[in-house]
PDB file of N, CA and C in Angstrom:
ATOM      1  N   UNK A   1      -3.684  -1.617  -5.673  1.00  0.00           N
ATOM      2  CA  UNK A   1      -4.063  -2.172  -6.958  1.00  0.00           C
ATOM      3  C   UNK A   1      -4.108  -3.689  -6.851  1.00  0.00           C
ATOM      4  N   UNK A   2      -5.022  -4.276  -7.555  1.00  0.00           N
ATOM      5  CA  UNK A   2      -5.178  -5.730  -7.531  1.00  0.00           C
ATOM      6  C   UNK A   2      -4.033  -6.402  -8.282  1.00  0.00           C
ATOM      7  N   UNK A   3      -3.626  -7.534  -7.779  1.00  0.00           N
ATOM      8  CA  UNK A   3      -2.621  -8.332  -8.473  1.00  0.00           C
ATOM      9  C   UNK A   3      -3.280  -9.597  -8.979  1.00  0.00           C
ATOM     10  N   UNK A   4      -2.660 -10.254  -9.925  1.00  0.00           N
ATOM     11  CA  UNK A   4      -3.177 -11.506 -10.478  1.00  0.00           C
ATOM     12  C   UNK A   4      -4.603 -11.356 -11.001  1.00  0.00           C
ATOM     13  N   UNK A   5      -4.848 -10.322 -11.771  1.00  0.00           N
ATOM     14  CA  UNK A   5      -6.182 -10.075 -12.300  1.00  0.00           C
ATOM     15  C   UNK A   5      -6.545 -11.122 -13.346  1.00  0.00           C
ATOM     16  N   UNK A   6      -7.816 -11.415 -13.429  1.00  0.00           N
ATOM     17  CA  UNK A   6      -8.319 -12.352 -14.423  1.00  0.00           C
ATOM     18  C   UNK A   6      -9.564 -11.758 -15.058  1.00  0.00           C
ATOM     19  N   UNK A   7      -9.896 -12.209 -16.252  1.00  0.00           N
ATOM     20  CA  UNK A   7     -11.066 -11.674 -16.953  1.00  0.00           C
ATOM     21  C   UNK A   7     -12.252 -12.597 -16.768  1.00  0.00           C
ATOM     22  N   UNK A   8     -13.409 -12.018 -16.549  1.00  0.00           N
ATOM     23  CA  UNK A   8     -14.657 -12.752 -16.433  1.00  0.00           C
ATOM     24  C   UNK A   8     -15.635 -12.139 -17.423  1.00  0.00           C
ATOM     25  N   UNK A   9     -16.198 -12.923 -18.300  1.00  0.00           N
ATOM     26  CA  UNK A   9     -17.149 -12.423 -19.294  1.00  0.00           C
ATOM     27  C   UNK A   9     -18.565 -12.666 -18.797  1.00  0.00           C
ATOM     28  N   UNK A  10     -19.298 -11.578 -18.497  1.00  0.00           N
ATOM     29  CA  UNK A  10     -20.683 -11.759 -18.054  1.00  0.00           C
ATOM     30  C   UNK A  10     -21.647 -11.592 -19.222  1.00  0.00           C
ATOM     31  N   UNK A  11     -21.239 -10.897 -20.268  1.00  0.00           N
ATOM     32  CA  UNK A  11     -22.006 -10.733 -21.493  1.00  0.00           C
ATOM     33  C   UNK A  11     -21.018 -10.752 -22.643  1.00  0.00           C
ATOM     34  N   UNK A  12     -21.428 -11.183 -23.800  1.00  0.00           N
ATOM     35  CA  UNK A  12     -20.504 -11.181 -24.938  1.00  0.00           C
ATOM     36  C   UNK A  12     -19.939  -9.785 -25.186  1.00  0.00           C
ATOM     37  N   UNK A  13     -18.637  -9.698 -25.238  1.00  0.00           N
ATOM     38  CA  UNK A  13     -17.985  -8.438 -25.562  1.00  0.00           C
ATOM     39  C   UNK A  13     -17.785  -7.491 -24.399  1.00  0.00           C
ATOM     40  N   UNK A  14     -18.322  -7.811 -23.204  1.00  0.00           N
ATOM     41  CA  UNK A  14     -18.140  -6.932 -22.044  1.00  0.00           C
ATOM     42  C   UNK A  14     -17.309  -7.688 -21.023  1.00  0.00           C
ATOM     43  N   UNK A  15     -16.111  -7.209 -20.751  1.00  0.00           N
ATOM     44  CA  UNK A  15     -15.247  -7.879 -19.790  1.00  0.00           C
ATOM     45  C   UNK A  15     -15.355  -7.238 -18.420  1.00  0.00           C
ATOM     46  N   UNK A  16     -15.197  -8.031 -17.398  1.00  0.00           N
ATOM     47  CA  UNK A  16     -15.183  -7.539 -16.028  1.00  0.00           C
ATOM     48  C   UNK A  16     -13.912  -8.054 -15.384  1.00  0.00           C
ATOM     49  N   UNK A  17     -13.139  -7.164 -14.779  1.00  0.00           N
ATOM     50  CA  UNK A  17     -11.918  -7.549 -14.079  1.00  0.00           C
ATOM     51  C   UNK A  17     -12.235  -7.603 -12.596  1.00  0.00           C
ATOM     52  N   UNK A  18     -11.623  -8.544 -11.883  1.00  0.00           N
ATOM     53  CA  UNK A  18     -11.835  -8.579 -10.448  1.00  0.00           C
ATOM     54  C   UNK A  18     -10.569  -9.022  -9.744  1.00  0.00           C
ATOM     55  N   UNK A  19     -10.534  -8.759  -8.451  1.00  0.00           N
ATOM     56  CA  UNK A  19      -9.401  -9.165  -7.626  1.00  0.00           C
ATOM     57  C   UNK A  19      -9.428 -10.677  -7.440  1.00  0.00           C
ATOM     58  N   UNK A  20      -8.347 -11.234  -6.931  1.00  0.00           N
ATOM     59  CA  UNK A  20      -8.304 -12.683  -6.719  1.00  0.00           C
ATOM     60  C   UNK A  20      -9.469 -13.170  -5.868  1.00  0.00           C
ATOM     61  N   UNK A  21      -9.741 -14.458  -5.955  1.00  0.00           N
ATOM     62  CA  UNK A  21     -10.901 -15.065  -5.297  1.00  0.00           C
ATOM     63  C   UNK A  21     -10.893 -14.886  -3.778  1.00  0.00           C
ATOM     64  N   UNK A  22      -9.741 -14.591  -3.179  1.00  0.00           N
ATOM     65  CA  UNK A  22      -9.689 -14.409  -1.728  1.00  0.00           C
ATOM     66  C   UNK A  22     -10.630 -13.291  -1.277  1.00  0.00           C
ATOM     67  N   UNK A  23     -10.784 -12.255  -2.110  1.00  0.00           N
ATOM     68  CA  UNK A  23     -11.694 -11.155  -1.789  1.00  0.00           C
ATOM     69  C   UNK A  23     -13.116 -11.679  -1.606  1.00  0.00           C
ATOM     70  N   UNK A  24     -13.535 -12.556  -2.487  1.00  0.00           N
ATOM     71  CA  UNK A  24     -14.878 -13.124  -2.406  1.00  0.00           C
ATOM     72  C   UNK A  24     -14.981 -14.122  -1.267  1.00  0.00           C
ATOM     73  N   UNK A  25     -13.964 -14.934  -1.093  1.00  0.00           N
ATOM     74  CA  UNK A  25     -13.990 -15.986  -0.086  1.00  0.00           C
ATOM     75  C   UNK A  25     -14.037 -15.435   1.332  1.00  0.00           C
ATOM     76  N   UNK A  26     -13.540 -14.203   1.545  1.00  0.00           N
ATOM     77  CA  UNK A  26     -13.579 -13.600   2.879  1.00  0.00           C
ATOM     78  C   UNK A  26     -15.004 -13.523   3.401  1.00  0.00           C
ATOM     79  N   UNK A  27     -15.986 -13.308   2.522  1.00  0.00           N
ATOM     80  CA  UNK A  27     -17.395 -13.224   2.906  1.00  0.00           C
ATOM     81  C   UNK A  27     -18.192 -14.417   2.402  1.00  0.00           C
ATOM     82  N   UNK A  28     -17.507 -15.502   2.057  1.00  0.00           N
ATOM     83  CA  UNK A  28     -18.158 -16.714   1.537  1.00  0.00           C
ATOM     84  C   UNK A  28     -19.022 -16.415   0.315  1.00  0.00           C
ATOM     85  N   UNK A  29     -18.503 -15.613  -0.605  1.00  0.00           N
ATOM     86  CA  UNK A  29     -19.199 -15.274  -1.844  1.00  0.00           C
ATOM     87  C   UNK A  29     -18.546 -15.995  -3.015  1.00  0.00           C
ATOM     88  N   UNK A  30     -19.325 -16.204  -4.065  1.00  0.00           N
ATOM     89  CA  UNK A  30     -18.794 -16.819  -5.279  1.00  0.00           C
ATOM     90  C   UNK A  30     -18.790 -15.783  -6.398  1.00  0.00           C
ATOM     91  N   UNK A  31     -18.181 -16.126  -7.500  1.00  0.00           N
ATOM     92  CA  UNK A  31     -18.176 -15.236  -8.658  1.00  0.00           C
ATOM     93  C   UNK A  31     -19.604 -15.042  -9.171  1.00  0.00           C
ATOM     94  N   UNK A  32     -20.460 -16.038  -8.976  1.00  0.00           N
ATOM     95  CA  UNK A  32     -21.861 -15.910  -9.374  1.00  0.00           C
ATOM     96  C   UNK A  32     -22.588 -14.886  -8.502  1.00  0.00           C
ATOM     97  N   UNK A  33     -22.216 -14.809  -7.216  1.00  0.00           N
ATOM     98  CA  UNK A  33     -22.773 -13.783  -6.338  1.00  0.00           C
ATOM     99  C   UNK A  33     -22.362 -12.397  -6.830  1.00  0.00           C
ATOM    100  N   UNK A  34     -21.091 -12.242  -7.194  1.00  0.00           N
ATOM    101  CA  UNK A  34     -20.595 -10.964  -7.710  1.00  0.00           C
ATOM    102  C   UNK A  34     -21.358 -10.570  -8.968  1.00  0.00           C
ATOM    103  N   UNK A  35     -21.543 -11.510  -9.863  1.00  0.00           N
ATOM    104  CA  UNK A  35     -22.289 -11.240 -11.092  1.00  0.00           C
ATOM    105  C   UNK A  35     -23.714 -10.782 -10.758  1.00  0.00           C
ATOM    106  N   UNK A  36     -24.361 -11.451  -9.818  1.00  0.00           N
ATOM    107  CA  UNK A  36     -25.728 -11.106  -9.451  1.00  0.00           C
ATOM    108  C   UNK A  36     -25.804  -9.721  -8.813  1.00  0.00           C
ATOM    109  N   UNK A  37     -24.841  -9.385  -7.964  1.00  0.00           N
ATOM    110  CA  UNK A  37     -24.797  -8.063  -7.331  1.00  0.00           C
ATOM    111  C   UNK A  37     -24.732  -6.975  -8.399  1.00  0.00           C
ATOM    112  N   UNK A  38     -23.858  -7.152  -9.368  1.00  0.00           N
ATOM    113  CA  UNK A  38     -23.668  -6.123 -10.396  1.00  0.00           C
ATOM    114  C   UNK A  38     -24.847  -6.058 -11.358  1.00  0.00           C
ATOM    115  N   UNK A  39     -25.340  -7.205 -11.801  1.00  0.00           N
ATOM    116  CA  UNK A  39     -26.397  -7.205 -12.810  1.00  0.00           C
ATOM    117  C   UNK A  39     -27.770  -6.833 -12.254  1.00  0.00           C
ATOM    118  N   UNK A  40     -28.010  -7.070 -10.975  1.00  0.00           N
ATOM    119  CA  UNK A  40     -29.314  -6.740 -10.395  1.00  0.00           C
ATOM    120  C   UNK A  40     -29.263  -5.511  -9.497  1.00  0.00           C
ATOM    121  N   UNK A  41     -28.065  -4.999  -9.243  1.00  0.00           N
ATOM    122  CA  UNK A  41     -27.907  -3.885  -8.312  1.00  0.00           C
ATOM    123  C   UNK A  41     -28.082  -2.521  -8.956  1.00  0.00           C
ATOM    124  N   UNK A  42     -27.958  -1.506  -8.112  1.00  0.00           N
ATOM    125  CA  UNK A  42     -28.039  -0.123  -8.560  1.00  0.00           C
ATOM    126  C   UNK A  42     -26.869   0.657  -7.987  1.00  0.00           C
ATOM    127  N   UNK A  43     -26.408   1.656  -8.737  1.00  0.00           N
ATOM    128  CA  UNK A  43     -25.352   2.533  -8.249  1.00  0.00           C
ATOM    129  C   UNK A  43     -25.961   3.416  -7.164  1.00  0.00           C
ATOM    130  N   UNK A  44     -25.419   3.336  -5.960  1.00  0.00           N
ATOM    131  CA  UNK A  44     -25.945   4.118  -4.847  1.00  0.00           C
ATOM    132  C   UNK A  44     -25.089   5.322  -4.516  1.00  0.00           C
ATOM    133  N   UNK A  45     -23.825   5.298  -4.974  1.00  0.00           N
ATOM    134  CA  UNK A  45     -22.924   6.408  -4.663  1.00  0.00           C
ATOM    135  C   UNK A  45     -21.791   6.448  -5.683  1.00  0.00           C
ATOM    136  N   UNK A  46     -21.352   7.660  -5.996  1.00  0.00           N
ATOM    137  CA  UNK A  46     -20.176   7.858  -6.842  1.00  0.00           C
ATOM    138  C   UNK A  46     -19.156   8.651  -6.046  1.00  0.00           C
ATOM    139  N   UNK A  47     -17.894   8.228  -6.127  1.00  0.00           N
ATOM    140  CA  UNK A  47     -16.816   8.911  -5.410  1.00  0.00           C
ATOM    141  C   UNK A  47     -15.704   9.231  -6.400  1.00  0.00           C
ATOM    142  N   UNK A  48     -15.101  10.397  -6.258  1.00  0.00           N
ATOM    143  CA  UNK A  48     -13.985  10.775  -7.121  1.00  0.00           C
ATOM    144  C   UNK A  48     -12.708  10.811  -6.283  1.00  0.00           C
ATOM    145  N   UNK A  49     -11.682  10.118  -6.757  1.00  0.00           N
ATOM    146  CA  UNK A  49     -10.391  10.102  -6.089  1.00  0.00           C
ATOM    147  C   UNK A  49      -9.751  11.488  -6.226  1.00  0.00           C
ATOM    148  N   UNK A  50      -9.299  12.045  -5.130  1.00  0.00           N
ATOM    149  CA  UNK A  50      -8.755  13.399  -5.136  1.00  0.00           C
ATOM    150  C   UNK A  50      -7.472  13.512  -5.959  1.00  0.00           C
ATOM    151  N   UNK A  51      -6.652  12.472  -5.958  1.00  0.00           N
ATOM    152  CA  UNK A  51      -5.378  12.531  -6.669  1.00  0.00           C
ATOM    153  C   UNK A  51      -5.501  12.149  -8.137  1.00  0.00           C
ATOM    154  N   UNK A  52      -6.142  11.034  -8.413  1.00  0.00           N
ATOM    155  CA  UNK A  52      -6.192  10.526  -9.793  1.00  0.00           C
ATOM    156  C   UNK A  52      -7.414  11.015 -10.552  1.00  0.00           C
ATOM    157  N   UNK A  53      -8.409  11.535  -9.840  1.00  0.00           N
ATOM    158  CA  UNK A  53      -9.666  12.000 -10.425  1.00  0.00           C
ATOM    159  C   UNK A  53     -10.506  10.859 -11.000  1.00  0.00           C
ATOM    160  N   UNK A  54     -10.146   9.614 -10.688  1.00  0.00           N
ATOM    161  CA  UNK A  54     -10.932   8.468 -11.137  1.00  0.00           C
ATOM    162  C   UNK A  54     -12.239   8.406 -10.359  1.00  0.00           C
ATOM    163  N   UNK A  55     -13.297   7.975 -11.033  1.00  0.00           N
ATOM    164  CA  UNK A  55     -14.600   7.834 -10.388  1.00  0.00           C
ATOM    165  C   UNK A  55     -14.816   6.366 -10.022  1.00  0.00           C
ATOM    166  N   UNK A  56     -15.150   6.142  -8.753  1.00  0.00           N
ATOM    167  CA  UNK A  56     -15.517   4.807  -8.280  1.00  0.00           C
ATOM    168  C   UNK A  56     -17.001   4.837  -7.956  1.00  0.00           C
ATOM    169  N   UNK A  57     -17.677   3.730  -8.198  1.00  0.00           N
ATOM    170  CA  UNK A  57     -19.106   3.622  -7.912  1.00  0.00           C
ATOM    171  C   UNK A  57     -19.341   2.496  -6.922  1.00  0.00           C
ATOM    172  N   UNK A  58     -20.301   2.714  -6.036  1.00  0.00           N
ATOM    173  CA  UNK A  58     -20.742   1.664  -5.131  1.00  0.00           C
ATOM    174  C   UNK A  58     -22.047   1.113  -5.690  1.00  0.00           C
ATOM    175  N   UNK A  59     -22.052  -0.182  -5.962  1.00  0.00           N
ATOM    176  CA  UNK A  59     -23.228  -0.857  -6.503  1.00  0.00           C
ATOM    177  C   UNK A  59     -23.824  -1.706  -5.395  1.00  0.00           C
ATOM    178  N   UNK A  60     -25.074  -1.408  -5.017  1.00  0.00           N
ATOM    179  CA  UNK A  60     -25.774  -2.172  -3.982  1.00  0.00           C
ATOM    180  C   UNK A  60     -26.693  -3.177  -4.670  1.00  0.00           C
ATOM    181  N   UNK A  61     -26.575  -4.435  -4.272  1.00  0.00           N
ATOM    182  CA  UNK A  61     -27.389  -5.489  -4.869  1.00  0.00           C
ATOM    183  C   UNK A  61     -27.570  -6.631  -3.894  1.00  0.00           C
ATOM    184  N   UNK A  62     -27.946  -7.771  -4.430  1.00  0.00           N
ATOM    185  CA  UNK A  62     -28.158  -8.949  -3.593  1.00  0.00           C
ATOM    186  C   UNK A  62     -27.377 -10.132  -4.160  1.00  0.00           C
ATOM    187  N   UNK A  63     -27.000 -11.018  -3.262  1.00  0.00           N
ATOM    188  CA  UNK A  63     -26.319 -12.251  -3.663  1.00  0.00           C
ATOM    189  C   UNK A  63     -27.368 -13.259  -4.108  1.00  0.00           C
ATOM    190  N   UNK A  64     -26.922 -14.413  -4.541  1.00  0.00           N
ATOM    191  CA  UNK A  64     -27.848 -15.444  -4.997  1.00  0.00           C
ATOM    192  C   UNK A  64     -28.777 -15.940  -3.889  1.00  0.00           C
ATOM    193  N   UNK A  65     -28.324 -15.877  -2.633  1.00  0.00           N
ATOM    194  CA  UNK A  65     -29.190 -16.313  -1.530  1.00  0.00           C
ATOM    195  C   UNK A  65     -30.015 -15.171  -0.940  1.00  0.00           C
ATOM    196  N   UNK A  66     -29.964 -13.990  -1.571  1.00  0.00           N
ATOM    197  CA  UNK A  66     -30.780 -12.867  -1.148  1.00  0.00           C
ATOM    198  C   UNK A  66     -30.146 -11.936  -0.134  1.00  0.00           C
ATOM    199  N   UNK A  67     -28.894 -12.169   0.240  1.00  0.00           N
ATOM    200  CA  UNK A  67     -28.202 -11.292   1.188  1.00  0.00           C
ATOM    201  C   UNK A  67     -27.836  -9.970   0.519  1.00  0.00           C
ATOM    202  N   UNK A  68     -27.928  -8.874   1.277  1.00  0.00           N
ATOM    203  CA  UNK A  68     -27.532  -7.569   0.757  1.00  0.00           C
ATOM    204  C   UNK A  68     -26.011  -7.495   0.680  1.00  0.00           C
ATOM    205  N   UNK A  69     -25.519  -6.954  -0.427  1.00  0.00           N
ATOM    206  CA  UNK A  69     -24.081  -6.823  -0.618  1.00  0.00           C
ATOM    207  C   UNK A  69     -23.793  -5.608  -1.480  1.00  0.00           C
ATOM    208  N   UNK A  70     -22.547  -5.161  -1.435  1.00  0.00           N
ATOM    209  CA  UNK A  70     -22.115  -4.036  -2.253  1.00  0.00           C
ATOM    210  C   UNK A  70     -20.814  -4.379  -2.948  1.00  0.00           C
ATOM    211  N   UNK A  71     -20.657  -3.802  -4.130  1.00  0.00           N
ATOM    212  CA  UNK A  71     -19.406  -3.929  -4.884  1.00  0.00           C
ATOM    213  C   UNK A  71     -18.918  -2.523  -5.195  1.00  0.00           C
ATOM    214  N   UNK A  72     -17.636  -2.296  -5.013  1.00  0.00           N
ATOM    215  CA  UNK A  72     -17.019  -1.024  -5.389  1.00  0.00           C
ATOM    216  C   UNK A  72     -16.335  -1.273  -6.723  1.00  0.00           C
ATOM    217  N   UNK A  73     -16.730  -0.491  -7.744  1.00  0.00           N
ATOM    218  CA  UNK A  73     -16.253  -0.719  -9.106  1.00  0.00           C
ATOM    219  C   UNK A  73     -15.826   0.591  -9.747  1.00  0.00           C
ATOM    220  N   UNK A  74     -15.060   0.466 -10.821  1.00  0.00           N
ATOM    221  CA  UNK A  74     -14.712   1.610 -11.651  1.00  0.00           C
ATOM    222  C   UNK A  74     -14.570   1.128 -13.079  1.00  0.00           C
ATOM    223  N   UNK A  75     -14.626   2.057 -14.010  1.00  0.00           N
ATOM    224  CA  UNK A  75     -14.440   1.722 -15.417  1.00  0.00           C
ATOM    225  C   UNK A  75     -12.979   1.934 -15.772  1.00  0.00           C
ATOM    226  N   UNK A  76     -12.363   0.916 -16.343  1.00  0.00           N
ATOM    227  CA  UNK A  76     -10.971   1.009 -16.752  1.00  0.00           C
ATOM    228  C   UNK A  76     -10.829   1.810 -18.034  1.00  0.00           C
ATOM    229  N   UNK A  77      -9.590   2.149 -18.384  1.00  0.00           N
ATOM    230  CA  UNK A  77      -9.347   2.959 -19.579  1.00  0.00           C
ATOM    231  C   UNK A  77      -9.730   2.243 -20.863  1.00  0.00           C
ATOM    232  N   UNK A  78      -9.898   0.918 -20.805  1.00  0.00           N
ATOM    233  CA  UNK A  78     -10.328   0.169 -21.987  1.00  0.00           C
ATOM    234  C   UNK A  78     -11.841   0.004 -22.029  1.00  0.00           C
ATOM    235  N   UNK A  79     -12.543   0.543 -21.022  1.00  0.00           N
ATOM    236  CA  UNK A  79     -13.990   0.429 -20.976  1.00  0.00           C
ATOM    237  C   UNK A  79     -14.489  -0.783 -20.219  1.00  0.00           C
ATOM    238  N   UNK A  80     -13.593  -1.585 -19.685  1.00  0.00           N
ATOM    239  CA  UNK A  80     -13.998  -2.764 -18.914  1.00  0.00           C
ATOM    240  C   UNK A  80     -14.244  -2.373 -17.461  1.00  0.00           C
ATOM    241  N   UNK A  81     -15.158  -3.096 -16.823  1.00  0.00           N
ATOM    242  CA  UNK A  81     -15.476  -2.848 -15.437  1.00  0.00           C
ATOM    243  C   UNK A  81     -14.410  -3.479 -14.542  1.00  0.00           C
ATOM    244  N   UNK A  82     -13.878  -2.718 -13.615  1.00  0.00           N
ATOM    245  CA  UNK A  82     -12.883  -3.221 -12.660  1.00  0.00           C
ATOM    246  C   UNK A  82     -13.550  -3.275 -11.291  1.00  0.00           C
ATOM    247  N   UNK A  83     -13.579  -4.457 -10.699  1.00  0.00           N
ATOM    248  CA  UNK A  83     -14.142  -4.625  -9.370  1.00  0.00           C
ATOM    249  C   UNK A  83     -13.023  -4.435  -8.354  1.00  0.00           C
ATOM    250  N   UNK A  84     -13.200  -3.441  -7.480  1.00  0.00           N
ATOM    251  CA  UNK A  84     -12.180  -3.134  -6.477  1.00  0.00           C
ATOM    252  C   UNK A  84     -12.361  -4.021  -5.258  1.00  0.00           C
ATOM    253  N   UNK A  85     -13.581  -4.138  -4.774  1.00  0.00           N
ATOM    254  CA  UNK A  85     -13.873  -5.016  -3.649  1.00  0.00           C
ATOM    255  C   UNK A  85     -15.358  -5.336  -3.622  1.00  0.00           C
ATOM    256  N   UNK A  86     -15.706  -6.383  -2.902  1.00  0.00           N
ATOM    257  CA  UNK A  86     -17.084  -6.819  -2.719  1.00  0.00           C
ATOM    258  C   UNK A  86     -17.249  -7.187  -1.255  1.00  0.00           C
ATOM    259  N   UNK A  87     -18.384  -6.821  -0.672  1.00  0.00           N
ATOM    260  CA  UNK A  87     -18.605  -7.141   0.737  1.00  0.00           C
ATOM    261  C   UNK A  87     -20.089  -7.247   1.042  1.00  0.00           C
ATOM    262  N   UNK A  88     -20.419  -7.990   2.104  1.00  0.00           N
ATOM    263  CA  UNK A  88     -21.795  -8.120   2.568  1.00  0.00           C
ATOM    264  C   UNK A  88     -22.133  -6.919   3.431  1.00  0.00           C
ATOM    265  N   UNK A  89     -23.396  -6.510   3.392  1.00  0.00           N
ATOM    266  CA  UNK A  89     -23.839  -5.370   4.199  1.00  0.00           C
ATOM    267  C   UNK A  89     -24.457  -5.836   5.508  1.00  0.00           C
TER     268      UNK A  89
END
């Protein structure tokens, strides 16, 4: 589970939670890259956790410089999007 979560508003009334910036910095990505991946990407796969039955989605999109990237996300119990990880393809 992510620690030190923070809220990022990409649209009025829709919150997105993400892991600390170190996750993004590992691949030299910014929060703007994450936003672009999610807003321009498509869900390519859905996975269900065997124990918790939670559904995680893989969103394939592009960063601001056009690089292919994916974000693994899930919907929290409050309806907010939780970003589990982001990586370049």
